[in-house]
C-alpha cells in the first residue's frame, strides 16, 4: 500500500500526454518540490481526465483516471489546494468535493 499523508490539487490543466518526468517537472514548478508521501492531482482542460503523481519516499508513481461520462469537479481559483481524504474520495467519484468539511460534514458555500 502506498502511504499518502497529503493530497494537493493543481488548478492549471496538464496535458494528459505527459509522462512521469513531465508530470514530476510540473509538480516541482507548481508546488516547489515533490515531497515524500504526498500526492499531486492534475486534470486536463475538459476535466474528464485526471493524473495523480505520488512520491512514495523512494520513487514516484503516476496514475491516470478517465471518466466515461461527466467531468471532475475542479477548482479554478488559486494555483494549488490541499484536499482531505474525504474530499479526494468525492473528487475521484466526480462529486462536489468543495462542500465537504474535514469531518465529512456538508457545509453551505
N, C-alpha and C. Protein backbone atom coordinates (compact mmCIF):
# COMPACT_ATOMS: atom_id res chain seq x y z
N UNK A 1 0.83 -1.17 0.00
CA UNK A 1 0.00 0.00 0.00
C UNK A 1 0.89 1.25 0.00
N UNK A 2 0.52 2.22 -0.78
CA UNK A 2 1.26 3.47 -0.86
C UNK A 2 0.69 4.44 0.18
N UNK A 3 1.54 4.94 1.05
CA UNK A 3 1.12 5.88 2.09
C UNK A 3 1.03 7.28 1.49
N UNK A 4 -0.09 7.94 1.71
CA UNK A 4 -0.29 9.32 1.26
C UNK A 4 -0.73 10.15 2.46
N UNK A 5 0.13 11.08 2.87
CA UNK A 5 -0.17 11.94 4.02
C UNK A 5 -0.86 13.23 3.62
N UNK A 6 -0.64 13.69 2.40
CA UNK A 6 -1.24 14.95 1.95
C UNK A 6 -1.56 14.83 0.46
N UNK A 7 -2.66 15.47 0.07
CA UNK A 7 -3.09 15.48 -1.32
C UNK A 7 -3.20 16.92 -1.77
N UNK A 8 -2.57 17.23 -2.91
CA UNK A 8 -2.56 18.59 -3.44
C UNK A 8 -3.20 18.61 -4.81
N UNK A 9 -4.01 19.63 -5.05
CA UNK A 9 -4.74 19.78 -6.30
C UNK A 9 -4.15 20.96 -7.07
N UNK A 10 -3.67 20.70 -8.28
CA UNK A 10 -3.16 21.77 -9.15
C UNK A 10 -4.32 22.29 -9.98
N UNK A 11 -4.47 23.60 -10.02
CA UNK A 11 -5.61 24.21 -10.71
C UNK A 11 -5.38 24.28 -12.22
N UNK A 12 -4.17 24.57 -12.64
CA UNK A 12 -3.87 24.67 -14.07
C UNK A 12 -3.89 23.30 -14.72
N UNK A 13 -4.47 23.16 -15.92
CA UNK A 13 -4.55 21.85 -16.57
C UNK A 13 -3.19 21.31 -16.99
N UNK A 14 -3.13 19.99 -17.09
CA UNK A 14 -1.92 19.29 -17.53
C UNK A 14 -2.26 18.53 -18.81
N UNK A 15 -1.35 18.57 -19.77
CA UNK A 15 -1.52 17.78 -20.99
C UNK A 15 -1.44 16.31 -20.60
N UNK A 16 -2.48 15.55 -20.88
CA UNK A 16 -2.55 14.16 -20.46
C UNK A 16 -1.58 13.25 -21.20
N UNK A 17 -0.90 13.78 -22.22
CA UNK A 17 0.17 13.00 -22.87
C UNK A 17 1.44 13.02 -22.04
N UNK A 18 1.49 13.86 -21.02
CA UNK A 18 2.67 13.99 -20.17
C UNK A 18 2.96 12.68 -19.45
N UNK A 19 4.21 12.30 -19.46
CA UNK A 19 4.64 11.09 -18.75
C UNK A 19 5.12 11.44 -17.35
N UNK A 20 5.78 10.49 -16.73
CA UNK A 20 6.24 10.66 -15.35
C UNK A 20 7.19 11.85 -15.20
N UNK A 21 8.15 11.97 -16.10
CA UNK A 21 9.14 13.06 -15.98
C UNK A 21 8.49 14.42 -16.16
N UNK A 22 7.59 14.57 -17.14
CA UNK A 22 6.92 15.85 -17.37
C UNK A 22 5.99 16.19 -16.20
N UNK A 23 5.28 15.19 -15.67
CA UNK A 23 4.40 15.44 -14.52
C UNK A 23 5.22 15.82 -13.29
N UNK A 24 6.35 15.15 -13.08
CA UNK A 24 7.23 15.49 -11.96
C UNK A 24 7.78 16.90 -12.10
N UNK A 25 8.16 17.28 -13.32
CA UNK A 25 8.64 18.65 -13.55
C UNK A 25 7.54 19.67 -13.24
N UNK A 26 6.29 19.35 -13.60
CA UNK A 26 5.18 20.26 -13.29
C UNK A 26 4.97 20.37 -11.78
N UNK A 27 5.09 19.25 -11.06
CA UNK A 27 4.95 19.27 -9.61
C UNK A 27 6.01 20.18 -9.00
N UNK A 28 7.24 20.05 -9.43
CA UNK A 28 8.32 20.88 -8.89
C UNK A 28 8.07 22.35 -9.23
N UNK A 29 7.62 22.66 -10.45
CA UNK A 29 7.35 24.04 -10.83
C UNK A 29 6.17 24.65 -10.06
N UNK A 30 5.11 23.86 -9.86
CA UNK A 30 3.90 24.39 -9.23
C UNK A 30 4.00 24.37 -7.70
N UNK A 31 4.49 23.27 -7.14
CA UNK A 31 4.49 23.09 -5.69
C UNK A 31 5.85 23.34 -5.04
N UNK A 32 6.88 23.55 -5.83
CA UNK A 32 8.20 23.82 -5.27
C UNK A 32 9.06 22.58 -5.10
N UNK A 33 8.45 21.44 -4.80
CA UNK A 33 9.17 20.18 -4.62
C UNK A 33 8.16 19.05 -4.57
N UNK A 34 8.62 17.85 -4.88
CA UNK A 34 7.79 16.65 -4.72
C UNK A 34 8.16 16.05 -3.36
N UNK A 35 7.29 16.19 -2.40
CA UNK A 35 7.57 15.74 -1.04
C UNK A 35 7.17 14.26 -0.86
N UNK A 36 7.93 13.52 -0.06
CA UNK A 36 7.58 12.12 0.18
C UNK A 36 6.20 11.98 0.81
N UNK A 37 5.47 11.00 0.36
CA UNK A 37 4.14 10.65 0.87
C UNK A 37 3.11 11.74 0.60
N UNK A 38 3.32 12.48 -0.48
CA UNK A 38 2.35 13.47 -0.94
C UNK A 38 1.87 13.05 -2.34
N UNK A 39 0.60 13.34 -2.62
CA UNK A 39 0.01 13.06 -3.93
C UNK A 39 -0.34 14.39 -4.58
N UNK A 40 -0.13 14.48 -5.88
CA UNK A 40 -0.38 15.71 -6.64
C UNK A 40 -1.33 15.37 -7.78
N UNK A 41 -2.47 16.07 -7.83
CA UNK A 41 -3.51 15.79 -8.81
C UNK A 41 -3.55 16.87 -9.88
N UNK A 42 -3.70 16.43 -11.13
CA UNK A 42 -3.83 17.32 -12.28
C UNK A 42 -4.99 16.84 -13.15
N UNK A 43 -5.69 17.76 -13.78
CA UNK A 43 -6.74 17.41 -14.73
C UNK A 43 -6.40 18.02 -16.08
N UNK A 44 -7.08 17.53 -17.12
CA UNK A 44 -6.93 18.14 -18.44
C UNK A 44 -7.90 19.32 -18.56
N UNK A 45 -7.86 20.03 -19.67
CA UNK A 45 -8.72 21.21 -19.85
C UNK A 45 -10.21 20.88 -19.78
N UNK A 46 -10.61 19.74 -20.31
CA UNK A 46 -12.02 19.35 -20.31
C UNK A 46 -12.46 18.75 -18.98
N UNK A 47 -11.52 18.50 -18.07
CA UNK A 47 -11.79 17.95 -16.73
C UNK A 47 -12.45 16.58 -16.77
N UNK A 48 -12.17 15.81 -17.82
CA UNK A 48 -12.69 14.44 -17.86
C UNK A 48 -11.58 13.40 -17.66
N UNK A 49 -10.36 13.88 -17.50
CA UNK A 49 -9.21 13.02 -17.23
C UNK A 49 -8.40 13.62 -16.09
N UNK A 50 -7.80 12.74 -15.29
CA UNK A 50 -7.01 13.17 -14.15
C UNK A 50 -5.74 12.33 -14.09
N UNK A 51 -4.64 12.95 -13.70
CA UNK A 51 -3.40 12.23 -13.42
C UNK A 51 -3.00 12.54 -11.99
N UNK A 52 -2.48 11.52 -11.33
CA UNK A 52 -2.04 11.64 -9.94
C UNK A 52 -0.59 11.17 -9.87
N UNK A 53 0.26 12.04 -9.35
CA UNK A 53 1.66 11.68 -9.15
C UNK A 53 1.87 11.55 -7.64
N UNK A 54 2.40 10.41 -7.21
CA UNK A 54 2.65 10.16 -5.79
C UNK A 54 4.12 9.87 -5.59
N UNK A 55 4.74 10.57 -4.63
CA UNK A 55 6.12 10.30 -4.25
C UNK A 55 6.04 9.40 -3.01
N UNK A 56 6.53 8.17 -3.11
CA UNK A 56 6.40 7.22 -2.00
C UNK A 56 7.61 7.20 -1.08
N UNK A 57 8.53 8.13 -1.26
CA UNK A 57 9.73 8.17 -0.43
C UNK A 57 10.93 7.53 -1.11
N UNK A 58 10.69 6.69 -2.10
CA UNK A 58 11.76 6.02 -2.85
C UNK A 58 11.73 6.43 -4.31
N UNK A 59 10.55 6.48 -4.88
CA UNK A 59 10.36 6.84 -6.28
C UNK A 59 9.02 7.50 -6.45
N UNK A 60 8.59 7.61 -7.70
CA UNK A 60 7.31 8.24 -7.97
C UNK A 60 6.40 7.28 -8.74
N UNK A 61 5.09 7.42 -8.51
CA UNK A 61 4.06 6.67 -9.19
C UNK A 61 3.21 7.66 -9.97
N UNK A 62 2.80 7.30 -11.16
CA UNK A 62 1.91 8.14 -11.95
C UNK A 62 0.71 7.29 -12.36
N UNK A 63 -0.47 7.74 -11.99
CA UNK A 63 -1.70 7.02 -12.32
C UNK A 63 -2.62 7.96 -13.07
N UNK A 64 -3.51 7.38 -13.87
CA UNK A 64 -4.46 8.17 -14.66
C UNK A 64 -5.86 7.63 -14.44
N UNK A 65 -6.84 8.53 -14.51
CA UNK A 65 -8.25 8.15 -14.43
C UNK A 65 -9.00 8.94 -15.49
N UNK A 66 -9.91 8.24 -16.19
CA UNK A 66 -10.73 8.87 -17.22
C UNK A 66 -12.18 8.59 -16.90
N UNK A 67 -13.02 9.62 -16.96
CA UNK A 67 -14.45 9.45 -16.78
C UNK A 67 -15.08 9.18 -18.14
N UNK A 68 -15.93 8.19 -18.24
CA UNK A 68 -16.63 7.90 -19.49
C UNK A 68 -17.76 8.90 -19.73
N UNK A 69 -18.30 9.45 -18.66
CA UNK A 69 -19.36 10.45 -18.76
C UNK A 69 -19.17 11.47 -17.65
N UNK A 70 -19.48 12.72 -17.93
CA UNK A 70 -19.36 13.76 -16.92
C UNK A 70 -17.96 14.32 -16.82
N UNK A 71 -17.77 15.14 -15.80
CA UNK A 71 -16.48 15.81 -15.58
C UNK A 71 -16.13 15.77 -14.11
N UNK A 72 -14.83 15.89 -13.84
CA UNK A 72 -14.38 16.07 -12.47
C UNK A 72 -14.73 17.48 -12.05
N UNK A 73 -15.13 17.65 -10.80
CA UNK A 73 -15.41 18.98 -10.26
C UNK A 73 -14.06 19.53 -9.83
N UNK A 74 -13.54 20.51 -10.58
CA UNK A 74 -12.19 21.00 -10.37
C UNK A 74 -12.23 22.43 -9.85
N UNK A 75 -11.22 22.82 -9.11
CA UNK A 75 -11.12 24.19 -8.59
C UNK A 75 -10.56 25.10 -9.67
N UNK A 76 -10.96 26.36 -9.64
CA UNK A 76 -10.47 27.31 -10.63
C UNK A 76 -9.88 28.57 -10.02
N UNK A 77 -9.76 28.63 -8.71
CA UNK A 77 -9.18 29.81 -8.09
C UNK A 77 -7.90 29.42 -7.35
N UNK A 78 -6.92 30.31 -7.37
CA UNK A 78 -5.63 29.99 -6.77
C UNK A 78 -4.82 29.09 -7.68
N UNK A 79 -3.64 28.68 -7.22
CA UNK A 79 -2.81 27.81 -8.04
C UNK A 79 -2.76 26.39 -7.50
N UNK A 80 -2.94 26.21 -6.19
CA UNK A 80 -2.94 24.88 -5.59
C UNK A 80 -3.90 24.85 -4.41
N UNK A 81 -4.38 23.67 -4.07
CA UNK A 81 -5.24 23.45 -2.92
C UNK A 81 -4.84 22.15 -2.24
N UNK A 82 -5.04 22.07 -0.95
CA UNK A 82 -4.84 20.82 -0.22
C UNK A 82 -6.20 20.17 -0.01
N UNK A 83 -6.28 18.85 -0.18
CA UNK A 83 -7.55 18.14 -0.04
C UNK A 83 -7.49 17.18 1.14
N UNK A 84 -8.61 17.01 1.82
CA UNK A 84 -8.73 16.00 2.87
C UNK A 84 -9.01 14.65 2.21
N UNK A 85 -8.86 13.55 2.94
CA UNK A 85 -9.18 12.24 2.36
C UNK A 85 -10.63 12.15 1.85
N UNK A 86 -11.57 12.72 2.59
CA UNK A 86 -12.98 12.69 2.16
C UNK A 86 -13.17 13.50 0.88
N UNK A 87 -12.49 14.64 0.78
CA UNK A 87 -12.57 15.45 -0.44
C UNK A 87 -11.98 14.71 -1.63
N UNK A 88 -10.87 14.01 -1.44
CA UNK A 88 -10.26 13.24 -2.52
C UNK A 88 -11.20 12.13 -2.99
N UNK A 89 -11.81 11.42 -2.06
CA UNK A 89 -12.76 10.37 -2.43
C UNK A 89 -13.90 10.94 -3.27
N UNK A 90 -14.44 12.09 -2.86
CA UNK A 90 -15.54 12.71 -3.60
C UNK A 90 -15.06 13.18 -4.97
N UNK A 91 -13.88 13.78 -5.05
CA UNK A 91 -13.34 14.26 -6.33
C UNK A 91 -13.19 13.12 -7.33
N UNK A 92 -12.61 12.02 -6.90
CA UNK A 92 -12.38 10.88 -7.79
C UNK A 92 -13.70 10.31 -8.32
N UNK A 93 -14.75 10.41 -7.52
CA UNK A 93 -16.07 9.94 -7.95
C UNK A 93 -16.82 10.96 -8.79
N UNK A 94 -16.28 12.18 -8.91
CA UNK A 94 -16.94 13.23 -9.69
C UNK A 94 -17.99 13.99 -8.89
N UNK A 95 -17.92 13.92 -7.56
CA UNK A 95 -18.88 14.60 -6.70
C UNK A 95 -18.38 15.99 -6.30
N UNK A 96 -19.26 16.87 -5.81
CA UNK A 96 -18.85 18.23 -5.41
C UNK A 96 -18.06 18.23 -4.11
N UNK A 97 -16.78 17.96 -4.18
CA UNK A 97 -15.90 17.82 -3.03
C UNK A 97 -15.72 19.11 -2.25
N UNK A 98 -15.95 20.27 -2.87
CA UNK A 98 -15.75 21.54 -2.19
C UNK A 98 -16.72 21.72 -1.03
N UNK A 99 -17.81 20.99 -1.02
CA UNK A 99 -18.82 21.11 0.03
C UNK A 99 -18.54 20.26 1.25
N UNK A 100 -17.49 19.44 1.18
CA UNK A 100 -17.17 18.57 2.30
C UNK A 100 -16.16 19.23 3.22
N UNK A 101 -16.45 19.21 4.51
CA UNK A 101 -15.52 19.71 5.51
C UNK A 101 -14.54 18.62 5.91
N UNK A 102 -13.65 18.93 6.83
CA UNK A 102 -12.65 17.95 7.26
C UNK A 102 -13.27 16.71 7.89
N UNK A 103 -14.44 16.86 8.52
CA UNK A 103 -15.09 15.72 9.16
C UNK A 103 -16.13 15.08 8.25
N UNK A 104 -16.17 15.44 6.99
CA UNK A 104 -17.16 14.89 6.09
C UNK A 104 -18.52 15.54 6.22
N UNK A 105 -18.58 16.68 6.89
CA UNK A 105 -19.83 17.39 7.09
C UNK A 105 -20.05 18.32 5.90
N UNK A 106 -21.27 18.33 5.39
CA UNK A 106 -21.59 19.23 4.30
C UNK A 106 -21.86 20.61 4.88
N UNK A 107 -21.23 21.62 4.28
CA UNK A 107 -21.44 22.99 4.73
C UNK A 107 -21.86 23.85 3.55
N UNK A 108 -22.55 24.92 3.85
CA UNK A 108 -23.03 25.82 2.81
C UNK A 108 -21.87 26.65 2.30
N UNK A 109 -21.82 26.81 0.99
CA UNK A 109 -20.76 27.61 0.38
C UNK A 109 -21.34 28.94 -0.06
